[in-house]
């Protein structure tokens, strides 16, 4: 039932500077391939064939890199946070949609998430991490009877992961020009209605969005595969 994936790629990559002053974060190498290639293969393996990439001016290199692949591109006017990036693709959403962050990696993550999808309003994913310091800001979830009732912040070694399936109605709840800090508020309001669940993904995750994590997981890459 999930046939579309949105990949937000419009961010500034400030936590990976100076690397991202020249190369977009999504094209930085993880092991032997750019981050975006790993995510593309993961989503494709899960059976999703309609991939929407959200870009901004200055990140055209990503579209050039993916020129031999069939993707749909939309442009965010300015980097305004995750919510605003997702909202930029709202007009292309026609059913439950996977949103996948390219700086978080876990083998078969999308396939595992789709296996747990049963028409929930939202299906979040979470992971157990060995090094919580490399997953800054990744919130966990408070659940009751297997239903997510709120965001719980950072909790021990349990972290939310950058793969989420949203019902199409979610995208219309994101206000125009929402900023990074607004997204948790948007999610919290969304959780007050419908059915929201979370799947625990198996495997060793990597968060490559900060310099310390990027260097650590790159060193471990050939051990991990």
N, C-alpha and C. Protein backbone atom coordinates (compact mmCIF):
# COMPACT_ATOMS: atom_id res chain seq x y z
N UNK A 1 0.82 -1.21 0.00
CA UNK A 1 0.00 0.00 0.00
C UNK A 1 0.85 1.26 0.00
N UNK A 2 2.05 1.20 0.52
CA UNK A 2 2.94 2.36 0.55
C UNK A 2 3.78 2.33 -0.72
N UNK A 3 3.53 3.25 -1.62
CA UNK A 3 4.21 3.24 -2.91
C UNK A 3 5.07 4.48 -3.13
N UNK A 4 5.04 5.43 -2.20
CA UNK A 4 5.76 6.70 -2.36
C UNK A 4 6.68 6.94 -1.18
N UNK A 5 7.84 7.49 -1.47
CA UNK A 5 8.80 7.88 -0.42
C UNK A 5 9.25 9.31 -0.67
N UNK A 6 9.25 10.12 0.37
CA UNK A 6 9.80 11.47 0.33
C UNK A 6 11.16 11.45 1.02
N UNK A 7 12.18 11.96 0.33
CA UNK A 7 13.52 12.06 0.90
C UNK A 7 13.87 13.54 0.99
N UNK A 8 13.88 14.12 2.19
CA UNK A 8 14.22 15.54 2.33
C UNK A 8 15.73 15.74 2.20
N UNK A 9 16.13 16.57 1.23
CA UNK A 9 17.55 16.82 0.98
C UNK A 9 17.85 18.32 0.87
N UNK A 10 17.02 19.16 1.49
CA UNK A 10 17.17 20.60 1.31
C UNK A 10 17.93 21.28 2.44
N UNK A 11 18.36 20.52 3.45
CA UNK A 11 19.00 21.13 4.61
C UNK A 11 20.38 21.71 4.30
N UNK A 12 20.89 22.49 5.25
CA UNK A 12 22.18 23.16 5.10
C UNK A 12 23.36 22.27 5.49
N UNK A 13 23.10 21.20 6.23
CA UNK A 13 24.19 20.32 6.65
C UNK A 13 25.19 20.99 7.57
N UNK A 14 24.71 21.88 8.42
CA UNK A 14 25.62 22.67 9.26
C UNK A 14 26.41 21.81 10.25
N UNK A 15 25.84 20.70 10.69
CA UNK A 15 26.53 19.87 11.68
C UNK A 15 27.68 19.06 11.08
N UNK A 16 27.79 19.08 9.76
CA UNK A 16 28.89 18.37 9.09
C UNK A 16 29.86 19.32 8.39
N UNK A 17 29.80 20.59 8.72
CA UNK A 17 30.78 21.51 8.18
C UNK A 17 32.14 21.24 8.80
N UNK A 18 33.24 21.39 8.04
CA UNK A 18 33.36 22.03 6.74
C UNK A 18 33.11 21.10 5.54
N UNK A 19 32.81 19.81 5.77
CA UNK A 19 32.63 18.89 4.64
C UNK A 19 31.52 19.36 3.71
N UNK A 20 30.46 19.91 4.27
CA UNK A 20 29.29 20.26 3.45
C UNK A 20 29.38 21.66 2.84
N UNK A 21 30.48 22.34 3.01
CA UNK A 21 30.63 23.64 2.35
C UNK A 21 30.78 23.47 0.84
N UNK A 22 31.25 22.31 0.41
CA UNK A 22 31.47 22.05 -1.01
C UNK A 22 30.54 20.97 -1.53
N UNK A 23 30.37 19.90 -0.75
CA UNK A 23 29.58 18.74 -1.18
C UNK A 23 28.31 18.64 -0.34
N UNK A 24 27.14 18.49 -0.94
CA UNK A 24 25.92 18.27 -0.15
C UNK A 24 26.07 17.05 0.76
N UNK A 25 25.50 17.15 1.94
CA UNK A 25 25.60 16.06 2.90
C UNK A 25 25.20 14.72 2.29
N UNK A 26 24.17 14.73 1.48
CA UNK A 26 23.64 13.49 0.92
C UNK A 26 24.60 12.81 -0.05
N UNK A 27 25.61 13.54 -0.52
CA UNK A 27 26.60 12.97 -1.44
C UNK A 27 27.91 12.63 -0.75
N UNK A 28 27.99 12.86 0.55
CA UNK A 28 29.19 12.45 1.29
C UNK A 28 29.28 10.93 1.30
N UNK A 29 30.50 10.40 1.24
CA UNK A 29 30.63 8.94 1.20
C UNK A 29 30.34 8.29 2.55
N UNK A 30 29.63 7.19 2.48
CA UNK A 30 29.50 6.27 3.63
C UNK A 30 30.02 4.94 3.13
N UNK A 31 31.19 4.57 3.59
CA UNK A 31 31.84 3.40 3.02
C UNK A 31 32.23 3.70 1.59
N UNK A 32 31.73 2.91 0.67
CA UNK A 32 32.12 3.03 -0.73
C UNK A 32 31.12 3.77 -1.61
N UNK A 33 30.05 4.34 -1.01
CA UNK A 33 29.02 5.00 -1.80
C UNK A 33 28.47 6.22 -1.07
N UNK A 34 27.90 7.18 -1.78
CA UNK A 34 27.27 8.32 -1.12
C UNK A 34 26.06 7.90 -0.30
N UNK A 35 25.75 8.72 0.69
CA UNK A 35 24.61 8.43 1.57
C UNK A 35 23.32 8.23 0.78
N UNK A 36 23.09 9.07 -0.21
CA UNK A 36 21.82 8.99 -0.95
C UNK A 36 21.70 7.68 -1.71
N UNK A 37 22.82 7.10 -2.13
CA UNK A 37 22.77 5.82 -2.83
C UNK A 37 22.34 4.69 -1.90
N UNK A 38 22.86 4.72 -0.68
CA UNK A 38 22.44 3.71 0.30
C UNK A 38 20.94 3.77 0.53
N UNK A 39 20.42 5.00 0.70
CA UNK A 39 18.99 5.13 0.98
C UNK A 39 18.15 4.75 -0.24
N UNK A 40 18.60 5.15 -1.41
CA UNK A 40 17.86 4.78 -2.64
C UNK A 40 17.72 3.26 -2.73
N UNK A 41 18.82 2.54 -2.53
CA UNK A 41 18.78 1.08 -2.62
C UNK A 41 17.87 0.48 -1.56
N UNK A 42 17.90 1.06 -0.37
CA UNK A 42 17.07 0.55 0.73
C UNK A 42 15.58 0.70 0.42
N UNK A 43 15.21 1.88 -0.08
CA UNK A 43 13.80 2.14 -0.41
C UNK A 43 13.36 1.29 -1.59
N UNK A 44 14.22 1.16 -2.59
CA UNK A 44 13.92 0.35 -3.77
C UNK A 44 13.73 -1.11 -3.37
N UNK A 45 14.58 -1.61 -2.47
CA UNK A 45 14.48 -2.98 -1.99
C UNK A 45 13.13 -3.23 -1.32
N UNK A 46 12.59 -2.19 -0.67
CA UNK A 46 11.32 -2.32 0.03
C UNK A 46 10.13 -2.34 -0.92
N UNK A 47 10.37 -2.11 -2.21
CA UNK A 47 9.30 -2.17 -3.20
C UNK A 47 8.73 -0.83 -3.59
N UNK A 48 9.30 0.25 -3.07
CA UNK A 48 8.80 1.59 -3.40
C UNK A 48 9.48 2.08 -4.67
N UNK A 49 8.68 2.53 -5.60
CA UNK A 49 9.21 2.95 -6.90
C UNK A 49 8.99 4.43 -7.19
N UNK A 50 8.18 5.09 -6.40
CA UNK A 50 7.94 6.53 -6.60
C UNK A 50 8.69 7.28 -5.50
N UNK A 51 9.79 7.89 -5.87
CA UNK A 51 10.68 8.54 -4.92
C UNK A 51 10.71 10.04 -5.21
N UNK A 52 10.34 10.81 -4.19
CA UNK A 52 10.30 12.28 -4.30
C UNK A 52 11.46 12.85 -3.51
N UNK A 53 12.29 13.64 -4.17
CA UNK A 53 13.45 14.25 -3.54
C UNK A 53 13.18 15.74 -3.36
N UNK A 54 13.28 16.22 -2.12
CA UNK A 54 13.09 17.64 -1.84
C UNK A 54 14.46 18.32 -1.82
N UNK A 55 14.65 19.29 -2.71
CA UNK A 55 15.92 20.01 -2.83
C UNK A 55 15.70 21.50 -2.56
N UNK A 56 16.79 22.23 -2.57
CA UNK A 56 16.76 23.69 -2.57
C UNK A 56 17.82 24.17 -3.55
N UNK A 57 17.75 25.43 -3.87
CA UNK A 57 18.75 26.01 -4.75
C UNK A 57 20.14 25.85 -4.14
N UNK A 58 21.10 25.39 -4.93
CA UNK A 58 22.45 25.16 -4.45
C UNK A 58 22.77 23.69 -4.24
N UNK A 59 21.74 22.83 -4.32
CA UNK A 59 21.97 21.39 -4.13
C UNK A 59 21.61 20.60 -5.39
N UNK A 60 21.79 21.25 -6.52
CA UNK A 60 21.48 20.60 -7.80
C UNK A 60 22.40 19.42 -8.08
N UNK A 61 23.54 19.35 -7.40
CA UNK A 61 24.45 18.22 -7.59
C UNK A 61 23.77 16.89 -7.29
N UNK A 62 22.82 16.90 -6.36
CA UNK A 62 22.11 15.67 -6.03
C UNK A 62 21.30 15.18 -7.21
N UNK A 63 20.59 16.09 -7.86
CA UNK A 63 19.81 15.71 -9.04
C UNK A 63 20.71 15.24 -10.17
N UNK A 64 21.85 15.88 -10.32
CA UNK A 64 22.81 15.44 -11.35
C UNK A 64 23.32 14.04 -11.04
N UNK A 65 23.60 13.78 -9.76
CA UNK A 65 24.10 12.47 -9.36
C UNK A 65 23.08 11.37 -9.63
N UNK A 66 21.81 11.69 -9.46
CA UNK A 66 20.74 10.71 -9.64
C UNK A 66 20.10 10.77 -11.03
N UNK A 67 20.79 11.38 -11.98
CA UNK A 67 20.20 11.63 -13.30
C UNK A 67 19.83 10.36 -14.05
N UNK A 68 20.46 9.24 -13.70
CA UNK A 68 20.14 7.98 -14.38
C UNK A 68 19.04 7.21 -13.67
N UNK A 69 18.42 7.82 -12.65
CA UNK A 69 17.35 7.16 -11.90
C UNK A 69 16.07 7.98 -11.98
N UNK A 70 14.96 7.30 -11.86
CA UNK A 70 13.66 7.93 -12.07
C UNK A 70 13.13 8.48 -10.74
N UNK A 71 13.36 9.77 -10.52
CA UNK A 71 12.89 10.41 -9.31
C UNK A 71 12.08 11.65 -9.68
N UNK A 72 11.26 12.09 -8.72
CA UNK A 72 10.51 13.32 -8.86
C UNK A 72 11.17 14.35 -7.94
N UNK A 73 11.38 15.58 -8.43
CA UNK A 73 12.07 16.60 -7.65
C UNK A 73 11.14 17.77 -7.37
N UNK A 74 11.16 18.23 -6.13
CA UNK A 74 10.48 19.46 -5.75
C UNK A 74 11.48 20.32 -5.00
N UNK A 75 11.27 21.63 -5.07
CA UNK A 75 12.21 22.56 -4.45
C UNK A 75 11.56 23.29 -3.28
N UNK A 76 12.29 23.30 -2.17
CA UNK A 76 11.92 24.08 -1.00
C UNK A 76 12.52 25.48 -1.19
N UNK A 77 11.70 26.51 -1.01
CA UNK A 77 12.17 27.86 -1.30
C UNK A 77 13.39 28.23 -0.46
N UNK A 78 13.37 27.84 0.80
CA UNK A 78 14.51 28.09 1.68
C UNK A 78 14.49 27.01 2.75
N UNK A 79 15.67 26.67 3.30
CA UNK A 79 15.71 25.60 4.31
C UNK A 79 15.00 26.02 5.59
N UNK A 80 13.81 25.50 5.80
CA UNK A 80 13.01 25.91 6.95
C UNK A 80 12.74 24.78 7.91
N UNK A 81 13.46 23.68 7.81
CA UNK A 81 13.23 22.57 8.72
C UNK A 81 12.53 21.41 8.04
N UNK A 82 12.46 20.30 8.78
CA UNK A 82 11.92 19.06 8.22
C UNK A 82 10.45 19.21 7.83
N UNK A 83 9.66 19.84 8.68
CA UNK A 83 8.24 19.98 8.38
C UNK A 83 8.01 20.74 7.09
N UNK A 84 8.73 21.83 6.91
CA UNK A 84 8.55 22.63 5.70
C UNK A 84 9.03 21.88 4.46
N UNK A 85 10.08 21.06 4.62
CA UNK A 85 10.56 20.25 3.49
C UNK A 85 9.51 19.23 3.07
N UNK A 86 8.90 18.57 4.04
CA UNK A 86 7.85 17.60 3.74
C UNK A 86 6.65 18.29 3.09
N UNK A 87 6.32 19.47 3.60
CA UNK A 87 5.17 20.21 3.07
C UNK A 87 5.37 20.58 1.60
N UNK A 88 6.62 20.77 1.20
CA UNK A 88 6.91 21.13 -0.19
C UNK A 88 6.46 20.04 -1.16
N UNK A 89 6.36 18.80 -0.66
CA UNK A 89 5.95 17.68 -1.51
C UNK A 89 4.49 17.29 -1.30
N UNK A 90 3.76 18.08 -0.54
CA UNK A 90 2.38 17.74 -0.19
C UNK A 90 1.51 17.50 -1.42
N UNK A 91 1.68 18.28 -2.45
CA UNK A 91 0.81 18.17 -3.63
C UNK A 91 1.04 16.88 -4.41
N UNK A 92 2.10 16.15 -4.07
CA UNK A 92 2.40 14.89 -4.76
C UNK A 92 1.97 13.67 -3.96
N UNK A 93 1.49 13.87 -2.76
CA UNK A 93 1.10 12.76 -1.88
C UNK A 93 -0.30 12.29 -2.25
N UNK A 94 -0.43 11.00 -2.53
CA UNK A 94 -1.75 10.45 -2.89
C UNK A 94 -2.10 9.20 -2.10
N UNK A 95 -1.39 8.97 -0.99
CA UNK A 95 -1.65 7.80 -0.16
C UNK A 95 -0.65 7.78 0.97
N UNK A 96 -0.66 6.72 1.78
CA UNK A 96 0.33 6.62 2.85
C UNK A 96 1.74 6.71 2.28
N UNK A 97 2.58 7.51 2.94
CA UNK A 97 3.87 7.87 2.37
C UNK A 97 4.99 7.68 3.39
N UNK A 98 6.07 7.07 2.94
CA UNK A 98 7.26 6.92 3.76
C UNK A 98 8.10 8.18 3.66
N UNK A 99 8.52 8.71 4.80
CA UNK A 99 9.50 9.80 4.83
C UNK A 99 10.78 9.22 5.39
N UNK A 100 11.87 9.34 4.62
CA UNK A 100 13.14 8.69 4.97
C UNK A 100 14.25 9.73 4.98
N UNK A 101 14.99 9.79 6.08
CA UNK A 101 16.08 10.75 6.22
C UNK A 101 17.39 10.12 5.74
N UNK A 102 18.10 10.79 4.84
CA UNK A 102 19.28 10.17 4.23
C UNK A 102 20.51 10.08 5.13
N UNK A 103 20.52 10.80 6.26
CA UNK A 103 21.71 10.74 7.11
C UNK A 103 21.58 9.69 8.22
N UNK A 104 20.51 8.89 8.20
CA UNK A 104 20.40 7.76 9.12
C UNK A 104 20.32 6.48 8.30
N UNK A 105 21.13 5.51 8.70
CA UNK A 105 21.27 4.29 7.89
C UNK A 105 21.04 3.06 8.75
N UNK A 106 20.30 2.13 8.19
CA UNK A 106 20.11 0.81 8.79
C UNK A 106 19.70 -0.14 7.69
N UNK A 107 20.41 -1.21 7.56
CA UNK A 107 20.13 -2.15 6.49
C UNK A 107 18.70 -2.69 6.60
N UNK A 108 17.97 -2.66 5.49
CA UNK A 108 16.59 -3.15 5.39
C UNK A 108 15.60 -2.37 6.25
N UNK A 109 15.94 -1.14 6.63
CA UNK A 109 15.06 -0.38 7.52
C UNK A 109 13.68 -0.15 6.90
N UNK A 110 13.63 0.28 5.65
CA UNK A 110 12.33 0.57 5.02
C UNK A 110 11.50 -0.70 4.87
N UNK A 111 12.13 -1.78 4.50
CA UNK A 111 11.40 -3.03 4.34
C UNK A 111 10.81 -3.49 5.68
N UNK A 112 11.59 -3.37 6.75
CA UNK A 112 11.08 -3.75 8.07
C UNK A 112 9.88 -2.89 8.46
N UNK A 113 9.96 -1.59 8.18
CA UNK A 113 8.87 -0.70 8.56
C UNK A 113 7.61 -1.02 7.77
N UNK A 114 7.75 -1.23 6.47
CA UNK A 114 6.58 -1.53 5.64
C UNK A 114 5.90 -2.83 6.05
N UNK A 115 6.68 -3.77 6.55
CA UNK A 115 6.10 -5.04 7.00
C UNK A 115 5.17 -4.85 8.20
N UNK A 116 5.39 -3.77 8.95
CA UNK A 116 4.55 -3.51 10.12
C UNK A 116 3.41 -2.55 9.87
N UNK A 117 3.27 -2.09 8.62
CA UNK A 117 2.25 -1.09 8.34
C UNK A 117 0.89 -1.74 8.09
N UNK A 118 -0.11 -1.30 8.86
CA UNK A 118 -1.47 -1.82 8.73
C UNK A 118 -2.48 -0.67 8.82
N UNK A 119 -2.29 0.33 7.98
CA UNK A 119 -3.21 1.47 7.87
C UNK A 119 -3.23 2.36 9.11
N UNK A 120 -2.16 2.38 9.87
CA UNK A 120 -2.06 3.32 10.96
C UNK A 120 -1.99 4.75 10.42
N UNK A 121 -2.43 5.70 11.23
CA UNK A 121 -2.25 7.11 10.84
C UNK A 121 -0.76 7.45 10.76
N UNK A 122 -0.01 6.89 11.66
CA UNK A 122 1.44 7.03 11.62
C UNK A 122 2.08 5.74 12.09
N UNK A 123 3.13 5.33 11.42
CA UNK A 123 3.94 4.22 11.89
C UNK A 123 5.37 4.73 12.00
N UNK A 124 5.79 4.95 13.25
CA UNK A 124 7.15 5.40 13.52
C UNK A 124 8.10 4.20 13.57
N UNK A 125 9.39 4.48 13.60
CA UNK A 125 10.38 3.43 13.82
C UNK A 125 11.31 3.85 14.94
N UNK A 126 11.82 2.87 15.66
CA UNK A 126 12.79 3.14 16.71
C UNK A 126 13.87 2.08 16.68
N UNK A 127 15.01 2.42 17.29
CA UNK A 127 16.16 1.52 17.28
C UNK A 127 16.82 1.54 18.65
N UNK A 128 17.53 0.47 18.95
CA UNK A 128 18.39 0.42 20.13
C UNK A 128 19.81 0.75 19.67
N UNK A 129 20.44 1.71 20.33
CA UNK A 129 21.74 2.20 19.89
C UNK A 129 22.79 1.93 20.97
N UNK A 130 23.98 1.60 20.51
CA UNK A 130 25.09 1.37 21.43
C UNK A 130 25.70 2.68 21.91
N UNK A 131 25.66 3.70 21.07
CA UNK A 131 26.29 4.97 21.39
C UNK A 131 25.27 6.10 21.26
N UNK A 132 24.48 6.35 22.31
CA UNK A 132 23.43 7.37 22.22
C UNK A 132 23.97 8.76 21.89
N UNK A 133 25.23 9.03 22.22
CA UNK A 133 25.77 10.36 21.95
C UNK A 133 25.85 10.66 20.46
N UNK A 134 25.80 9.62 19.62
CA UNK A 134 25.85 9.82 18.19
C UNK A 134 24.45 9.99 17.58
N UNK A 135 23.41 9.99 18.43
CA UNK A 135 22.03 10.17 17.96
C UNK A 135 21.41 11.38 18.68
N UNK A 136 21.99 12.56 18.52
CA UNK A 136 21.48 13.72 19.26
C UNK A 136 20.12 14.15 18.76
N UNK A 137 19.22 14.44 19.71
CA UNK A 137 17.91 14.95 19.35
C UNK A 137 16.92 13.92 18.84
N UNK A 138 17.35 12.66 18.71
CA UNK A 138 16.44 11.60 18.22
C UNK A 138 15.54 11.17 19.38
N UNK A 139 14.27 11.49 19.29
CA UNK A 139 13.35 11.25 20.40
C UNK A 139 12.83 9.82 20.41
N UNK A 140 12.52 9.34 21.59
CA UNK A 140 11.84 8.05 21.74
C UNK A 140 10.34 8.34 21.86
N UNK A 141 9.56 7.30 22.12
CA UNK A 141 8.10 7.44 22.13
C UNK A 141 7.53 6.85 23.40
N UNK A 142 6.52 7.52 23.92
CA UNK A 142 5.75 6.98 25.04
C UNK A 142 4.58 6.21 24.46
N UNK A 143 4.45 4.94 24.84
CA UNK A 143 3.40 4.10 24.28
C UNK A 143 2.48 3.57 25.38
N UNK A 144 1.29 3.24 24.96
CA UNK A 144 0.30 2.63 25.85
C UNK A 144 -0.50 1.63 25.04
N UNK A 145 -0.47 0.37 25.45
CA UNK A 145 -1.14 -0.70 24.69
C UNK A 145 -0.68 -0.72 23.24
N UNK A 146 0.61 -0.56 23.05
CA UNK A 146 1.24 -0.61 21.74
C UNK A 146 0.92 0.58 20.85
N UNK A 147 0.33 1.62 21.42
CA UNK A 147 0.01 2.82 20.67
C UNK A 147 0.88 3.98 21.15
N UNK A 148 1.38 4.77 20.23
CA UNK A 148 2.16 5.95 20.60
C UNK A 148 1.21 7.04 21.07
N UNK A 149 1.46 7.55 22.27
CA UNK A 149 0.59 8.61 22.81
C UNK A 149 1.32 9.94 22.92
N UNK A 150 2.66 9.93 22.90
CA UNK A 150 3.40 11.18 22.95
C UNK A 150 4.86 10.93 22.61
N UNK A 151 5.57 12.02 22.36
CA UNK A 151 7.02 11.96 22.20
C UNK A 151 7.65 12.03 23.58
N UNK A 152 8.65 11.21 23.81
CA UNK A 152 9.20 11.07 25.16
C UNK A 152 10.61 11.60 25.30
N UNK A 153 11.17 12.20 24.27
CA UNK A 153 12.54 12.69 24.36
C UNK A 153 13.55 11.55 24.33
N UNK A 154 14.78 11.87 24.65
CA UNK A 154 15.83 10.85 24.65
C UNK A 154 15.67 9.95 25.87
N UNK A 155 15.65 8.63 25.62
CA UNK A 155 15.45 7.67 26.71
C UNK A 155 16.48 6.56 26.61
N UNK A 156 17.52 6.64 27.42
CA UNK A 156 18.52 5.58 27.44
C UNK A 156 19.07 5.28 26.07
N UNK A 157 19.05 4.00 25.71
CA UNK A 157 19.58 3.56 24.43
C UNK A 157 18.50 3.42 23.36
N UNK A 158 17.32 3.89 23.65
CA UNK A 158 16.22 3.80 22.70
C UNK A 158 16.06 5.14 22.00
N UNK A 159 16.02 5.10 20.68
CA UNK A 159 15.93 6.33 19.90
C UNK A 159 14.95 6.15 18.74
N UNK A 160 14.24 7.21 18.41
CA UNK A 160 13.48 7.21 17.18
C UNK A 160 14.42 7.20 15.99
N UNK A 161 13.96 6.66 14.88
CA UNK A 161 14.81 6.52 13.69
C UNK A 161 14.15 7.23 12.52
N UNK A 162 14.95 7.65 11.57
CA UNK A 162 14.49 8.49 10.48
C UNK A 162 13.74 7.78 9.37
N UNK A 163 12.79 6.92 9.72
CA UNK A 163 11.88 6.29 8.76
C UNK A 163 10.49 6.31 9.40
N UNK A 164 9.56 6.98 8.75
CA UNK A 164 8.20 7.09 9.27
C UNK A 164 7.20 7.02 8.12
N UNK A 165 6.11 6.32 8.34
CA UNK A 165 5.01 6.28 7.36
C UNK A 165 3.88 7.15 7.90
N UNK A 166 3.44 8.10 7.07
CA UNK A 166 2.36 9.01 7.44
C UNK A 166 1.16 8.80 6.53
N UNK A 167 -0.04 8.90 7.13
CA UNK A 167 -1.25 8.96 6.33
C UNK A 167 -1.25 10.26 5.53
N UNK A 168 -1.90 10.29 4.37
CA UNK A 168 -1.85 11.50 3.54
C UNK A 168 -2.39 12.74 4.24
N UNK A 169 -3.32 12.57 5.17
CA UNK A 169 -3.90 13.72 5.86
C UNK A 169 -2.88 14.49 6.70
N UNK A 170 -1.81 13.81 7.08
CA UNK A 170 -0.81 14.47 7.93
C UNK A 170 -0.20 15.68 7.25
N UNK A 171 0.04 15.58 5.97
CA UNK A 171 0.80 16.62 5.28
C UNK A 171 0.07 17.96 5.25
N UNK A 172 -1.25 17.92 5.28
CA UNK A 172 -2.02 19.16 5.28
C UNK A 172 -2.04 19.83 6.66
N UNK A 173 -1.55 19.16 7.71
CA UNK A 173 -1.51 19.75 9.05
C UNK A 173 -0.24 20.57 9.27
N UNK A 174 0.70 20.52 8.34
CA UNK A 174 1.95 21.26 8.50
C UNK A 174 1.75 22.69 8.02
N UNK A 175 1.92 23.67 8.90
CA UNK A 175 1.70 25.06 8.49
C UNK A 175 2.80 25.54 7.56
N UNK A 176 2.48 26.52 6.75
CA UNK A 176 3.46 27.11 5.83
C UNK A 176 4.60 27.75 6.62
N UNK A 177 5.82 27.59 6.10
CA UNK A 177 7.02 28.19 6.70
C UNK A 177 7.29 27.69 8.11
N UNK A 178 6.92 26.44 8.41
CA UNK A 178 7.26 25.88 9.72
C UNK A 178 8.77 25.72 9.83
N UNK A 179 9.27 25.86 11.04
CA UNK A 179 10.70 25.79 11.30
C UNK A 179 11.05 24.49 12.01
N UNK A 180 12.36 24.25 12.20
CA UNK A 180 12.81 23.00 12.82
C UNK A 180 12.11 22.75 14.15
N UNK A 181 12.04 23.77 14.99
CA UNK A 181 11.45 23.59 16.32
C UNK A 181 9.97 23.33 16.30
N UNK A 182 9.33 23.59 15.16
CA UNK A 182 7.87 23.41 15.07
C UNK A 182 7.47 21.95 14.86
N UNK A 183 8.38 21.13 14.36
CA UNK A 183 7.97 19.81 13.90
C UNK A 183 7.49 18.92 15.06
N UNK A 184 8.15 19.01 16.21
CA UNK A 184 7.71 18.20 17.35
C UNK A 184 6.32 18.65 17.81
N UNK A 185 6.05 19.95 17.74
CA UNK A 185 4.73 20.43 18.10
C UNK A 185 3.68 19.93 17.11
N UNK A 186 4.02 19.91 15.84
CA UNK A 186 3.10 19.40 14.81
C UNK A 186 2.78 17.93 15.06
N UNK A 187 3.83 17.15 15.33
CA UNK A 187 3.64 15.72 15.61
C UNK A 187 2.80 15.52 16.86
N UNK A 188 3.09 16.27 17.91
CA UNK A 188 2.34 16.12 19.17
C UNK A 188 0.86 16.38 18.96
N UNK A 189 0.54 17.38 18.17
CA UNK A 189 -0.87 17.66 17.88
C UNK A 189 -1.49 16.53 17.05
N UNK A 190 -0.75 16.02 16.09
CA UNK A 190 -1.22 14.94 15.22
C UNK A 190 -1.51 13.68 16.02
N UNK A 191 -0.74 13.43 17.08
CA UNK A 191 -0.92 12.21 17.88
C UNK A 191 -2.22 12.20 18.67
N UNK A 192 -2.90 13.32 18.74
CA UNK A 192 -4.14 13.38 19.52
C UNK A 192 -5.32 12.73 18.81
N UNK A 193 -5.12 12.30 17.58
CA UNK A 193 -6.22 11.66 16.85
C UNK A 193 -5.68 10.48 16.06
N UNK A 194 -6.51 9.47 15.85
CA UNK A 194 -6.12 8.35 15.01
C UNK A 194 -5.30 7.30 15.72
N UNK A 195 -4.73 6.41 14.93
CA UNK A 195 -3.93 5.30 15.44
C UNK A 195 -2.48 5.49 15.05
N UNK A 196 -1.60 5.50 16.05
CA UNK A 196 -0.18 5.74 15.82
C UNK A 196 0.62 4.67 16.56
N UNK A 197 1.49 4.00 15.85
CA UNK A 197 2.27 2.92 16.45
C UNK A 197 3.74 3.07 16.09
N UNK A 198 4.56 2.23 16.70
CA UNK A 198 5.99 2.28 16.45
C UNK A 198 6.51 0.87 16.30
N UNK A 199 7.44 0.69 15.36
CA UNK A 199 8.08 -0.60 15.11
C UNK A 199 9.53 -0.51 15.55
N UNK A 200 10.00 -1.52 16.26
CA UNK A 200 11.42 -1.60 16.62
C UNK A 200 12.18 -2.30 15.50
N UNK A 201 13.11 -1.60 14.89
CA UNK A 201 13.87 -2.14 13.78
C UNK A 201 15.06 -2.94 14.29
N UNK A 202 15.38 -4.00 13.58
CA UNK A 202 16.49 -4.87 13.94
C UNK A 202 17.74 -4.49 13.14
N UNK A 203 18.89 -4.64 13.78
CA UNK A 203 20.15 -4.31 13.12
C UNK A 203 20.87 -3.20 13.84
N UNK A 204 22.03 -2.83 13.34
CA UNK A 204 22.84 -1.79 13.97
C UNK A 204 22.70 -0.49 13.18
N UNK A 205 22.05 0.52 13.77
CA UNK A 205 21.82 1.77 13.04
C UNK A 205 23.04 2.68 13.08
N UNK A 206 23.07 3.63 12.16
CA UNK A 206 24.11 4.65 12.13
C UNK A 206 23.47 6.00 11.88
N UNK A 207 23.84 6.98 12.70
CA UNK A 207 23.42 8.36 12.47
C UNK A 207 24.63 9.12 11.96
N UNK A 208 24.56 9.55 10.72
CA UNK A 208 25.70 10.18 10.05
C UNK A 208 25.50 11.68 9.89
N UNK A 209 24.64 12.26 10.69
CA UNK A 209 24.30 13.66 10.54
C UNK A 209 25.16 14.61 11.32
N UNK A 210 26.01 14.10 12.23
CA UNK A 210 26.94 14.95 12.96
C UNK A 210 28.35 14.43 12.71
N UNK A 211 29.35 15.30 12.87
CA UNK A 211 30.70 14.94 12.51
C UNK A 211 31.21 13.73 13.30
N UNK A 212 30.96 13.70 14.61
CA UNK A 212 31.46 12.59 15.42
C UNK A 212 30.87 11.27 14.95
N UNK A 213 29.56 11.24 14.70
CA UNK A 213 28.93 10.01 14.23
C UNK A 213 29.36 9.64 12.83
N UNK A 214 29.50 10.64 11.97
CA UNK A 214 29.92 10.37 10.60
C UNK A 214 31.29 9.70 10.57
N UNK A 215 32.23 10.21 11.34
CA UNK A 215 33.58 9.63 11.37
C UNK A 215 33.56 8.25 12.02
N UNK A 216 32.81 8.10 13.11
CA UNK A 216 32.77 6.82 13.83
C UNK A 216 32.18 5.72 12.96
N UNK A 217 31.02 5.98 12.34
CA UNK A 217 30.36 4.92 11.58
C UNK A 217 31.05 4.64 10.26
N UNK A 218 31.73 5.62 9.71
CA UNK A 218 32.53 5.33 8.52
C UNK A 218 33.68 4.39 8.85
N UNK A 219 34.29 4.58 10.01
CA UNK A 219 35.37 3.66 10.41
C UNK A 219 34.84 2.26 10.61
N UNK A 220 33.59 2.15 11.05
CA UNK A 220 33.00 0.84 11.32
C UNK A 220 32.32 0.21 10.11
N UNK A 221 32.25 0.92 9.02
CA UNK A 221 31.41 0.51 7.90
C UNK A 221 31.71 -0.91 7.45
N UNK A 222 32.94 -1.23 7.18
CA UNK A 222 33.26 -2.56 6.64
C UNK A 222 33.10 -3.66 7.69
N UNK A 223 33.12 -3.29 8.97
CA UNK A 223 32.82 -4.26 10.02
C UNK A 223 31.32 -4.54 10.04
N UNK A 224 30.53 -3.48 9.86
CA UNK A 224 29.07 -3.57 9.97
C UNK A 224 28.45 -4.37 8.85
N UNK A 225 29.00 -4.27 7.63
CA UNK A 225 28.37 -4.98 6.52
C UNK A 225 28.81 -6.44 6.47
